[in-house]
Amino acid sequence: MLYSITGKLLEKTADTAVLCAAGVAYEIAIPSTAAGVLPAPGQEATLYTYLSVNMNAKDDVLELYGFTDLLQRKSFKLLISVSGIGPKAALGILSYLTPDSILLAIAAGDHKAFTKCPGVGPKLAQRLVLELKDKAGKVAGFSGSVDAAALGGTAVPEGAGQQAVLALVNLGYSQSQAAAAVAAQDQSLPTGELIRGALKSMASGR
């Protein structure tokens, strides 16, 4: 499996990059968010890759997808693990949503966030949230649990509260900040409301 390709960037568009490495030019499909991160053509660039083999085509088709960081590639692999989400649909989602936004939408049960992405209807969006709910922490590179010892004694919310803490940690808050802010909310609220309430309280300094 190709882990990554580093070489001279020959050209790039909103959805494609061409990298030349060791005399071989690779045409790689990319999310539009990656195009803005890549350097200008003529400079060296690195893309973390995923090789897709379409066995359903008349002839086996190899398609190469590339990402500017490992977190984006990990998000891509999790998205295509959902029934009905193929590589192109996953690439479309990553063109509209960052890995952070994906985790927040899943944690909050906000399937509507995904319907804004091309090729994702309401039913598919609901299935995506349902199937990835327990994997949300993995999207961010976390184990899916919050270490109470790391919080200096702060009580760790469970269920929806823990999902909210993980989402906030992924957004850049420390575990102690996130846990304290979530714990101060009404624990009967759903994950999305807990996240919004915690963000509001931290923004106001309470």
C-alpha atoms as a PDB file:
ATOM      1  CA  MET A   1       0.000   0.000   0.000  1.00  0.00           C
ATOM      2  CA  LEU A   2       1.207   3.502  -0.812  1.00  0.00           C
ATOM      3  CA  TYR A   3       1.572   5.384   2.469  1.00  0.00           C
ATOM      4  CA  SER A   4       2.583   8.714   1.007  1.00  0.00           C
ATOM      5  CA  ILE A   5       4.153  10.298  -2.046  1.00  0.00           C
ATOM      6  CA  THR A   6       6.669  13.129  -1.919  1.00  0.00           C
ATOM      7  CA  GLY A   7       7.749  14.829  -5.091  1.00  0.00           C
ATOM      8  CA  LYS A   8       7.535  17.855  -7.324  1.00  0.00           C
ATOM      9  CA  LEU A   9       4.025  19.226  -7.695  1.00  0.00           C
ATOM     10  CA  LEU A  10       3.482  19.498 -11.433  1.00  0.00           C
ATOM     11  CA  GLU A  11      -0.049  20.854 -11.319  1.00  0.00           C
ATOM     12  CA  LYS A  12      -3.086  21.140  -9.092  1.00  0.00           C
ATOM     13  CA  THR A  13      -6.781  21.909  -9.466  1.00  0.00           C
ATOM     14  CA  ALA A  14      -9.605  22.071  -6.939  1.00  0.00           C
ATOM     15  CA  ASP A  15      -9.867  18.280  -6.933  1.00  0.00           C
ATOM     16  CA  THR A  16      -6.663  16.899  -8.444  1.00  0.00           C
ATOM     17  CA  ALA A  17      -2.914  17.083  -7.859  1.00  0.00           C
ATOM     18  CA  VAL A  18      -0.132  15.662 -10.003  1.00  0.00           C
ATOM     19  CA  LEU A  19       3.054  14.713  -8.146  1.00  0.00           C
ATOM     20  CA  CYS A  20       6.233  13.572  -9.877  1.00  0.00           C
ATOM     21  CA  ALA A  21       8.367  11.219  -7.782  1.00  0.00           C
ATOM     22  CA  ALA A  22      11.339   9.205  -9.070  1.00  0.00           C
ATOM     23  CA  GLY A  23      10.400   9.993 -12.640  1.00  0.00           C
ATOM     24  CA  VAL A  24       6.799   8.810 -12.273  1.00  0.00           C
ATOM     25  CA  ALA A  25       3.903  11.285 -12.338  1.00  0.00           C
ATOM     26  CA  TYR A  26       0.938  10.372 -10.137  1.00  0.00           C
ATOM     27  CA  GLU A  27      -2.499  11.881 -10.700  1.00  0.00           C
ATOM     28  CA  ILE A  28      -4.155  12.023  -7.280  1.00  0.00           C
ATOM     29  CA  ALA A  29      -7.718  12.955  -6.353  1.00  0.00           C
ATOM     30  CA  ILE A  30      -7.804  15.387  -3.417  1.00  0.00           C
ATOM     31  CA  PRO A  31     -10.454  17.194  -1.375  1.00  0.00           C
ATOM     32  CA  SER A  32     -10.774  20.841  -2.353  1.00  0.00           C
ATOM     33  CA  THR A  33      -9.533  21.848   1.108  1.00  0.00           C
ATOM     34  CA  ALA A  34      -6.178  20.263   0.289  1.00  0.00           C
ATOM     35  CA  ALA A  35      -5.680  22.402  -2.801  1.00  0.00           C
ATOM     36  CA  GLY A  36      -5.315  25.521  -0.669  1.00  0.00           C
ATOM     37  CA  VAL A  37      -2.734  23.838   1.561  1.00  0.00           C
ATOM     38  CA  LEU A  38      -0.519  22.513  -1.217  1.00  0.00           C
ATOM     39  CA  PRO A  39       2.310  24.767  -2.435  1.00  0.00           C
ATOM     40  CA  ALA A  40       2.468  26.311  -5.882  1.00  0.00           C
ATOM     41  CA  PRO A  41       3.311  24.012  -8.815  1.00  0.00           C
ATOM     42  CA  GLY A  42       7.035  23.488  -9.174  1.00  0.00           C
ATOM     43  CA  GLN A  43       7.624  23.058  -5.450  1.00  0.00           C
ATOM     44  CA  GLU A  44       7.968  19.846  -3.444  1.00  0.00           C
ATOM     45  CA  ALA A  45       4.891  18.492  -1.719  1.00  0.00           C
ATOM     46  CA  THR A  46       3.791  15.434   0.230  1.00  0.00           C
ATOM     47  CA  LEU A  47       0.410  13.734   0.067  1.00  0.00           C
ATOM     48  CA  TYR A  48      -0.669  10.876   2.333  1.00  0.00           C
ATOM     49  CA  THR A  49      -2.380   8.443   0.035  1.00  0.00           C
ATOM     50  CA  TYR A  50      -5.082   5.820  -0.149  1.00  0.00           C
ATOM     51  CA  LEU A  51      -5.262   3.419  -3.103  1.00  0.00           C
ATOM     52  CA  SER A  52      -8.797   2.338  -3.986  1.00  0.00           C
ATOM     53  CA  VAL A  53      -9.451  -0.705  -6.190  1.00  0.00           C
ATOM     54  CA  ASN A  54     -12.878  -0.724  -7.840  1.00  0.00           C
ATOM     55  CA  MET A  55     -13.636  -4.402  -8.359  1.00  0.00           C
ATOM     56  CA  ASN A  56     -17.128  -3.704  -9.711  1.00  0.00           C
ATOM     57  CA  ALA A  57     -15.923  -2.084 -12.901  1.00  0.00           C
ATOM     58  CA  LYS A  58     -15.582  -4.071 -16.150  1.00  0.00           C
ATOM     59  CA  ASP A  59     -11.847  -3.863 -15.623  1.00  0.00           C
ATOM     60  CA  ASP A  60     -10.323  -3.338 -12.179  1.00  0.00           C
ATOM     61  CA  VAL A  61      -9.880   0.412 -11.732  1.00  0.00           C
ATOM     62  CA  LEU A  62      -7.177   1.833  -9.468  1.00  0.00           C
ATOM     63  CA  GLU A  63      -7.819   5.281  -8.057  1.00  0.00           C
ATOM     64  CA  LEU A  64      -5.371   7.187  -5.890  1.00  0.00           C
ATOM     65  CA  TYR A  65      -6.618   9.623  -3.246  1.00  0.00           C
ATOM     66  CA  GLY A  66      -4.374  12.055  -1.396  1.00  0.00           C
ATOM     67  CA  PHE A  67      -4.511  14.137   1.770  1.00  0.00           C
ATOM     68  CA  THR A  68      -2.294  16.814   3.237  1.00  0.00           C
ATOM     69  CA  ASP A  69      -2.229  15.270   6.728  1.00  0.00           C
ATOM     70  CA  LEU A  70      -2.782  11.909   8.388  1.00  0.00           C
ATOM     71  CA  LEU A  71      -5.862  13.050  10.287  1.00  0.00           C
ATOM     72  CA  GLN A  72      -7.624  13.854   7.042  1.00  0.00           C
ATOM     73  CA  ARG A  73      -6.721  10.458   5.609  1.00  0.00           C
ATOM     74  CA  LYS A  74      -7.911   8.720   8.781  1.00  0.00           C
ATOM     75  CA  SER A  75     -11.226  10.570   8.512  1.00  0.00           C
ATOM     76  CA  PHE A  76     -11.515   9.446   4.883  1.00  0.00           C
ATOM     77  CA  LYS A  77     -10.966   5.799   5.823  1.00  0.00           C
ATOM     78  CA  LEU A  78     -13.597   5.993   8.551  1.00  0.00           C
ATOM     79  CA  LEU A  79     -16.100   7.619   6.218  1.00  0.00           C
ATOM     80  CA  ILE A  80     -15.751   4.898   3.577  1.00  0.00           C
ATOM     81  CA  SER A  81     -16.344   2.284   6.289  1.00  0.00           C
ATOM     82  CA  VAL A  82     -19.981   3.416   6.276  1.00  0.00           C
ATOM     83  CA  SER A  83     -22.289   1.452   3.999  1.00  0.00           C
ATOM     84  CA  GLY A  84     -23.185   3.629   1.023  1.00  0.00           C
ATOM     85  CA  ILE A  85     -20.214   6.011   1.358  1.00  0.00           C
ATOM     86  CA  GLY A  86     -17.731   5.416  -1.436  1.00  0.00           C
ATOM     87  CA  PRO A  87     -14.363   7.122  -1.909  1.00  0.00           C
ATOM     88  CA  LYS A  88     -15.787   9.913  -4.067  1.00  0.00           C
ATOM     89  CA  ALA A  89     -18.555  10.673  -1.576  1.00  0.00           C
ATOM     90  CA  ALA A  90     -16.026  10.670   1.282  1.00  0.00           C
ATOM     91  CA  LEU A  91     -13.811  13.041  -0.679  1.00  0.00           C
ATOM     92  CA  GLY A  92     -16.808  15.303  -1.221  1.00  0.00           C
ATOM     93  CA  ILE A  93     -17.536  15.356   2.512  1.00  0.00           C
ATOM     94  CA  LEU A  94     -13.925  16.283   3.281  1.00  0.00           C
ATOM     95  CA  SER A  95     -14.181  19.079   0.717  1.00  0.00           C
ATOM     96  CA  TYR A  96     -16.931  20.659   2.807  1.00  0.00           C
ATOM     97  CA  LEU A  97     -16.147  19.563   6.372  1.00  0.00           C
ATOM     98  CA  THR A  98     -12.880  19.433   8.295  1.00  0.00           C
ATOM     99  CA  PRO A  99     -12.137  16.386  10.498  1.00  0.00           C
ATOM    100  CA  ASP A 100     -13.000  18.594  13.492  1.00  0.00           C
ATOM    101  CA  SER A 101     -16.394  19.454  11.997  1.00  0.00           C
ATOM    102  CA  ILE A 102     -17.048  15.801  11.201  1.00  0.00           C
ATOM    103  CA  LEU A 103     -16.414  14.757  14.810  1.00  0.00           C
ATOM    104  CA  LEU A 104     -18.547  17.572  16.189  1.00  0.00           C
ATOM    105  CA  ALA A 105     -21.451  16.702  13.869  1.00  0.00           C
ATOM    106  CA  ILE A 106     -21.254  13.008  14.768  1.00  0.00           C
ATOM    107  CA  ALA A 107     -20.974  13.693  18.506  1.00  0.00           C
ATOM    108  CA  ALA A 108     -23.927  16.071  18.339  1.00  0.00           C
ATOM    109  CA  GLY A 109     -25.981  13.676  16.216  1.00  0.00           C
ATOM    110  CA  ASP A 110     -26.244  16.448  13.629  1.00  0.00           C
ATOM    111  CA  HIS A 111     -26.883  14.468  10.448  1.00  0.00           C
ATOM    112  CA  LYS A 112     -28.057  17.632   8.673  1.00  0.00           C
ATOM    113  CA  ALA A 113     -24.459  18.867   8.590  1.00  0.00           C
ATOM    114  CA  PHE A 114     -23.653  16.061   6.153  1.00  0.00           C
ATOM    115  CA  THR A 115     -26.603  16.714   3.831  1.00  0.00           C
ATOM    116  CA  LYS A 116     -24.819  19.877   2.694  1.00  0.00           C
ATOM    117  CA  CYS A 117     -22.144  17.666   1.138  1.00  0.00           C
ATOM    118  CA  PRO A 118     -22.541  16.450  -2.459  1.00  0.00           C
ATOM    119  CA  GLY A 119     -24.050  12.986  -2.833  1.00  0.00           C
ATOM    120  CA  VAL A 120     -25.231  12.720   0.771  1.00  0.00           C
ATOM    121  CA  GLY A 121     -28.991  12.625   1.252  1.00  0.00           C
ATOM    122  CA  PRO A 122     -30.908  12.608   4.567  1.00  0.00           C
ATOM    123  CA  LYS A 123     -31.066   8.798   4.894  1.00  0.00           C
ATOM    124  CA  LEU A 124     -27.376   8.342   4.133  1.00  0.00           C
ATOM    125  CA  ALA A 125     -26.468  11.172   6.512  1.00  0.00           C
ATOM    126  CA  GLN A 126     -28.455   9.543   9.319  1.00  0.00           C
ATOM    127  CA  ARG A 127     -26.767   6.194   8.691  1.00  0.00           C
ATOM    128  CA  LEU A 128     -23.360   7.876   8.682  1.00  0.00           C
ATOM    129  CA  VAL A 129     -23.951   9.454  12.099  1.00  0.00           C
ATOM    130  CA  LEU A 130     -25.381   6.234  13.509  1.00  0.00           C
ATOM    131  CA  GLU A 131     -22.548   3.989  12.290  1.00  0.00           C
ATOM    132  CA  LEU A 132     -19.769   6.373  13.306  1.00  0.00           C
ATOM    133  CA  LYS A 133     -21.156   7.464  16.668  1.00  0.00           C
ATOM    134  CA  ASP A 134     -18.969   5.013  18.581  1.00  0.00           C
ATOM    135  CA  LYS A 135     -15.965   5.806  16.375  1.00  0.00           C
ATOM    136  CA  ALA A 136     -16.044   9.588  16.780  1.00  0.00           C
ATOM    137  CA  GLY A 137     -13.038   9.567  19.093  1.00  0.00           C
ATOM    138  CA  LYS A 138     -11.028   7.619  16.530  1.00  0.00           C
ATOM    139  CA  VAL A 139     -11.712  10.281  13.909  1.00  0.00           C
ATOM    140  CA  ALA A 140      -9.808  12.693  16.128  1.00  0.00           C
ATOM    141  CA  GLY A 141      -7.113  10.237  17.059  1.00  0.00           C
ATOM    142  CA  PHE A 142      -8.408   9.713  20.592  1.00  0.00           C
ATOM    143  CA  SER A 143      -9.144   6.340  22.190  1.00  0.00           C
ATOM    144  CA  GLY A 144     -12.735   7.294  22.877  1.00  0.00           C
ATOM    145  CA  SER A 145     -12.284   7.635  26.632  1.00  0.00           C
ATOM    146  CA  VAL A 146     -11.393  10.488  28.935  1.00  0.00           C
ATOM    147  CA  ASP A 147      -8.765   9.877  31.609  1.00  0.00           C
ATOM    148  CA  ALA A 148     -10.086  11.121  34.966  1.00  0.00           C
ATOM    149  CA  ALA A 149      -6.564  11.203  36.432  1.00  0.00           C
ATOM    150  CA  ALA A 150      -5.536  13.666  33.721  1.00  0.00           C
ATOM    151  CA  LEU A 151      -8.306  16.019  34.795  1.00  0.00           C
ATOM    152  CA  GLY A 152      -6.932  16.714  38.248  1.00  0.00           C
ATOM    153  CA  GLY A 153      -9.950  15.226  39.989  1.00  0.00           C
ATOM    154  CA  THR A 154     -12.612  16.787  37.751  1.00  0.00           C
ATOM    155  CA  ALA A 155     -15.600  14.468  37.476  1.00  0.00           C
ATOM    156  CA  VAL A 156     -15.859  12.905  34.015  1.00  0.00           C
ATOM    157  CA  PRO A 157     -19.372  13.069  32.538  1.00  0.00           C
ATOM    158  CA  GLU A 158     -20.682   9.838  31.045  1.00  0.00           C
ATOM    159  CA  GLY A 159     -22.739   9.046  27.952  1.00  0.00           C
ATOM    160  CA  ALA A 160     -23.666  12.196  26.041  1.00  0.00           C
ATOM    161  CA  GLY A 161     -21.452  14.206  28.359  1.00  0.00           C
ATOM    162  CA  GLN A 162     -18.383  12.172  27.499  1.00  0.00           C
ATOM    163  CA  GLN A 163     -19.098  12.543  23.778  1.00  0.00           C
ATOM    164  CA  ALA A 164     -19.334  16.310  24.318  1.00  0.00           C
ATOM    165  CA  VAL A 165     -16.001  16.351  26.174  1.00  0.00           C
ATOM    166  CA  LEU A 166     -14.300  14.446  23.352  1.00  0.00           C
ATOM    167  CA  ALA A 167     -15.716  16.839  20.761  1.00  0.00           C
ATOM    168  CA  LEU A 168     -14.475  19.870  22.719  1.00  0.00           C
ATOM    169  CA  VAL A 169     -11.017  18.334  23.218  1.00  0.00           C
ATOM    170  CA  ASN A 170     -10.845  17.788  19.468  1.00  0.00           C
ATOM    171  CA  LEU A 171     -11.642  21.466  18.977  1.00  0.00           C
ATOM    172  CA  GLY A 172      -8.535  22.383  20.961  1.00  0.00           C
ATOM    173  CA  TYR A 173      -9.727  22.731  24.556  1.00  0.00           C
ATOM    174  CA  SER A 174      -7.882  20.901  27.308  1.00  0.00           C
ATOM    175  CA  GLN A 175      -9.547  17.872  28.889  1.00  0.00           C
ATOM    176  CA  SER A 176      -9.903  19.705  32.199  1.00  0.00           C
ATOM    177  CA  GLN A 177     -11.529  22.736  30.543  1.00  0.00           C
ATOM    178  CA  ALA A 178     -13.904  20.596  28.514  1.00  0.00           C
ATOM    179  CA  ALA A 179     -14.878  18.298  31.375  1.00  0.00           C
ATOM    180  CA  ALA A 180     -15.514  21.195  33.763  1.00  0.00           C
ATOM    181  CA  ALA A 181     -17.600  23.098  31.216  1.00  0.00           C
ATOM    182  CA  VAL A 182     -19.681  20.052  30.313  1.00  0.00           C
ATOM    183  CA  ALA A 183     -20.124  19.012  33.948  1.00  0.00           C
ATOM    184  CA  ALA A 184     -21.613  22.448  34.658  1.00  0.00           C
ATOM    185  CA  GLN A 185     -24.425  21.785  32.148  1.00  0.00           C
ATOM    186  CA  ASP A 186     -27.697  19.951  32.653  1.00  0.00           C
ATOM    187  CA  GLN A 187     -26.621  16.317  32.115  1.00  0.00           C
ATOM    188  CA  SER A 188     -30.076  15.377  30.822  1.00  0.00           C
ATOM    189  CA  LEU A 189     -29.433  17.430  27.678  1.00  0.00           C
ATOM    190  CA  PRO A 190     -28.450  15.712  24.407  1.00  0.00           C
ATOM    191  CA  THR A 191     -24.839  15.890  23.220  1.00  0.00           C
ATOM    192  CA  GLY A 192     -25.381  18.790  20.840  1.00  0.00           C
ATOM    193  CA  GLU A 193     -26.939  20.984  23.532  1.00  0.00           C
ATOM    194  CA  LEU A 194     -24.169  20.078  25.973  1.00  0.00           C
ATOM    195  CA  ILE A 195     -21.537  21.132  23.461  1.00  0.00           C
ATOM    196  CA  ARG A 196     -23.282  24.421  22.679  1.00  0.00           C
ATOM    197  CA  GLY A 197     -23.808  25.199  26.355  1.00  0.00           C
ATOM    198  CA  ALA A 198     -20.197  24.383  27.228  1.00  0.00           C
ATOM    199  CA  LEU A 199     -18.866  26.527  24.373  1.00  0.00           C
ATOM    200  CA  LYS A 200     -21.060  29.425  25.449  1.00  0.00           C
ATOM    201  CA  SER A 201     -19.944  29.195  29.072  1.00  0.00           C
ATOM    202  CA  MET A 202     -16.255  29.023  28.142  1.00  0.00           C
ATOM    203  CA  ALA A 203     -16.624  31.948  25.747  1.00  0.00           C
ATOM    204  CA  SER A 204     -18.200  34.080  28.485  1.00  0.00           C
ATOM    205  CA  GLY A 205     -15.548  33.040  31.005  1.00  0.00           C
ATOM    206  CA  ARG A 206     -17.989  31.387  33.366  1.00  0.00           C
END
